[in-house]
Amino acid sequence: MLKDKGFRLLLFFKNKNSAGFTLAEVLIVIAIILFLFPMVLANYNTGEKQFSLHRSAHGLAQELRNTQEMAMTGKITPVQFGQNFPKGGYGL
């Protein structure tokens, strides 16, 4: 009995003439995608610039912390700077 109901339900859906999407439905979907694409692209470029700014600000803050640490501990500067800095470090 249960199998018979499932078979009848299958036949009910199979008899419909819906082989795919209509041209109007496809055109509407394409229009929506074309409408949203420039907005997404503009927001992506803005987000990329903002991320670059945050990354630069973070790098600057990290360099300032390193400089502060070297000044407080009196660490010797790396050799790449030559003799332009005092022997004991940055000095204050």
C-alpha atoms as a PDB file:
ATOM      1  CA  MET A   1       0.000   0.000   0.000  1.00  0.00           C
ATOM      2  CA  LEU A   2       2.768   2.414   0.898  1.00  0.00           C
ATOM      3  CA  LYS A   3       4.675   1.504  -2.239  1.00  0.00           C
ATOM      4  CA  ASP A   4       1.587   2.211  -4.307  1.00  0.00           C
ATOM      5  CA  LYS A   5       1.259   5.758  -2.871  1.00  0.00           C
ATOM      6  CA  GLY A   6       4.893   6.526  -3.658  1.00  0.00           C
ATOM      7  CA  PHE A   7       4.448   5.296  -7.227  1.00  0.00           C
ATOM      8  CA  ARG A   8       1.351   7.465  -7.693  1.00  0.00           C
ATOM      9  CA  LEU A   9       3.210  10.480  -6.324  1.00  0.00           C
ATOM     10  CA  LEU A  10       6.073   9.832  -8.745  1.00  0.00           C
ATOM     11  CA  LEU A  11       3.645   9.650 -11.650  1.00  0.00           C
ATOM     12  CA  PHE A  12       1.995  12.893 -10.540  1.00  0.00           C
ATOM     13  CA  PHE A  13       5.274  14.819 -10.726  1.00  0.00           C
ATOM     14  CA  LYS A  14       6.417  13.039 -13.886  1.00  0.00           C
ATOM     15  CA  ASN A  15       3.318  14.045 -15.828  1.00  0.00           C
ATOM     16  CA  LYS A  16       4.040  17.758 -15.428  1.00  0.00           C
ATOM     17  CA  ASN A  17       5.589  19.455 -18.433  1.00  0.00           C
ATOM     18  CA  SER A  18       8.460  21.104 -16.575  1.00  0.00           C
ATOM     19  CA  ALA A  19      11.575  20.097 -18.471  1.00  0.00           C
ATOM     20  CA  GLY A  20      13.680  23.084 -17.289  1.00  0.00           C
ATOM     21  CA  PHE A  21      13.694  26.819 -16.815  1.00  0.00           C
ATOM     22  CA  THR A  22      11.947  29.312 -19.034  1.00  0.00           C
ATOM     23  CA  LEU A  23      13.872  31.959 -20.924  1.00  0.00           C
ATOM     24  CA  ALA A  24      12.383  34.685 -18.726  1.00  0.00           C
ATOM     25  CA  GLU A  25      13.610  32.988 -15.546  1.00  0.00           C
ATOM     26  CA  VAL A  26      17.132  32.604 -16.915  1.00  0.00           C
ATOM     27  CA  LEU A  27      17.245  36.234 -18.083  1.00  0.00           C
ATOM     28  CA  ILE A  28      16.072  37.492 -14.688  1.00  0.00           C
ATOM     29  CA  VAL A  29      18.756  35.506 -12.881  1.00  0.00           C
ATOM     30  CA  ILE A  30      21.449  36.788 -15.249  1.00  0.00           C
ATOM     31  CA  ALA A  31      20.220  40.373 -14.770  1.00  0.00           C
ATOM     32  CA  ILE A  32      20.370  40.017 -10.977  1.00  0.00           C
ATOM     33  CA  ILE A  33      23.909  38.605 -11.150  1.00  0.00           C
ATOM     34  CA  LEU A  34      25.046  41.403 -13.482  1.00  0.00           C
ATOM     35  CA  PHE A  35      23.461  43.977 -11.163  1.00  0.00           C
ATOM     36  CA  LEU A  36      25.192  42.623  -8.023  1.00  0.00           C
ATOM     37  CA  PHE A  37      28.630  41.920  -9.547  1.00  0.00           C
ATOM     38  CA  PRO A  38      29.879  45.567  -9.719  1.00  0.00           C
ATOM     39  CA  MET A  39      28.820  46.173  -6.117  1.00  0.00           C
ATOM     40  CA  VAL A  40      30.730  43.154  -4.885  1.00  0.00           C
ATOM     41  CA  LEU A  41      33.767  44.102  -6.941  1.00  0.00           C
ATOM     42  CA  ALA A  42      33.763  47.692  -5.618  1.00  0.00           C
ATOM     43  CA  ASN A  43      33.518  46.476  -2.023  1.00  0.00           C
ATOM     44  CA  TYR A  44      36.364  44.012  -2.607  1.00  0.00           C
ATOM     45  CA  ASN A  45      38.698  46.767  -3.846  1.00  0.00           C
ATOM     46  CA  THR A  46      37.792  49.016  -0.919  1.00  0.00           C
ATOM     47  CA  GLY A  47      38.355  46.161   1.521  1.00  0.00           C
ATOM     48  CA  GLU A  48      41.737  45.379  -0.029  1.00  0.00           C
ATOM     49  CA  LYS A  49      42.891  48.998   0.411  1.00  0.00           C
ATOM     50  CA  GLN A  50      41.650  49.072   3.984  1.00  0.00           C
ATOM     51  CA  PHE A  51      43.426  45.796   4.774  1.00  0.00           C
ATOM     52  CA  SER A  52      46.659  47.188   3.302  1.00  0.00           C
ATOM     53  CA  LEU A  53      46.338  50.259   5.523  1.00  0.00           C
ATOM     54  CA  HIS A  54      45.775  48.110   8.627  1.00  0.00           C
ATOM     55  CA  ARG A  55      48.755  45.922   7.705  1.00  0.00           C
ATOM     56  CA  SER A  56      51.006  48.990   7.328  1.00  0.00           C
ATOM     57  CA  ALA A  57      49.801  50.456  10.618  1.00  0.00           C
ATOM     58  CA  HIS A  58      50.458  47.149  12.381  1.00  0.00           C
ATOM     59  CA  GLY A  59      53.981  46.981  10.895  1.00  0.00           C
ATOM     60  CA  LEU A  60      54.724  50.533  12.068  1.00  0.00           C
ATOM     61  CA  ALA A  61      53.469  49.767  15.576  1.00  0.00           C
ATOM     62  CA  GLN A  62      55.633  46.641  15.674  1.00  0.00           C
ATOM     63  CA  GLU A  63      58.728  48.611  14.622  1.00  0.00           C
ATOM     64  CA  LEU A  64      58.002  51.226  17.292  1.00  0.00           C
ATOM     65  CA  ARG A  65      57.735  48.497  19.940  1.00  0.00           C
ATOM     66  CA  ASN A  66      61.055  47.010  18.811  1.00  0.00           C
ATOM     67  CA  THR A  67      62.711  50.432  18.959  1.00  0.00           C
ATOM     68  CA  GLN A  68      61.256  51.065  22.395  1.00  0.00           C
ATOM     69  CA  GLU A  69      62.470  47.684  23.642  1.00  0.00           C
ATOM     70  CA  MET A  70      65.973  48.307  22.281  1.00  0.00           C
ATOM     71  CA  ALA A  71      66.066  51.746  23.922  1.00  0.00           C
ATOM     72  CA  MET A  72      64.909  50.409  27.281  1.00  0.00           C
ATOM     73  CA  THR A  73      67.271  47.426  27.378  1.00  0.00           C
ATOM     74  CA  GLY A  74      70.266  49.119  25.775  1.00  0.00           C
ATOM     75  CA  LYS A  75      70.699  46.408  23.156  1.00  0.00           C
ATOM     76  CA  ILE A  76      73.407  46.876  20.556  1.00  0.00           C
ATOM     77  CA  THR A  77      72.166  47.802  17.121  1.00  0.00           C
ATOM     78  CA  PRO A  78      72.623  45.396  14.217  1.00  0.00           C
ATOM     79  CA  VAL A  79      75.828  45.653  12.176  1.00  0.00           C
ATOM     80  CA  GLN A  80      73.918  46.818   9.103  1.00  0.00           C
ATOM     81  CA  PHE A  81      73.594  50.320  10.592  1.00  0.00           C
ATOM     82  CA  GLY A  82      77.350  50.821  10.772  1.00  0.00           C
ATOM     83  CA  GLN A  83      78.892  53.185  13.302  1.00  0.00           C
ATOM     84  CA  ASN A  84      76.172  55.860  13.157  1.00  0.00           C
ATOM     85  CA  PHE A  85      74.672  54.781  16.478  1.00  0.00           C
ATOM     86  CA  PRO A  86      76.202  54.809  19.945  1.00  0.00           C
ATOM     87  CA  LYS A  87      78.019  51.676  21.080  1.00  0.00           C
ATOM     88  CA  GLY A  88      75.475  50.862  23.810  1.00  0.00           C
ATOM     89  CA  GLY A  89      72.416  50.998  21.560  1.00  0.00           C
ATOM     90  CA  TYR A  90      70.002  53.733  20.605  1.00  0.00           C
ATOM     91  CA  GLY A  91      70.434  55.674  23.831  1.00  0.00           C
ATOM     92  CA  LEU A  92      68.053  58.291  25.175  1.00  0.00           C
END
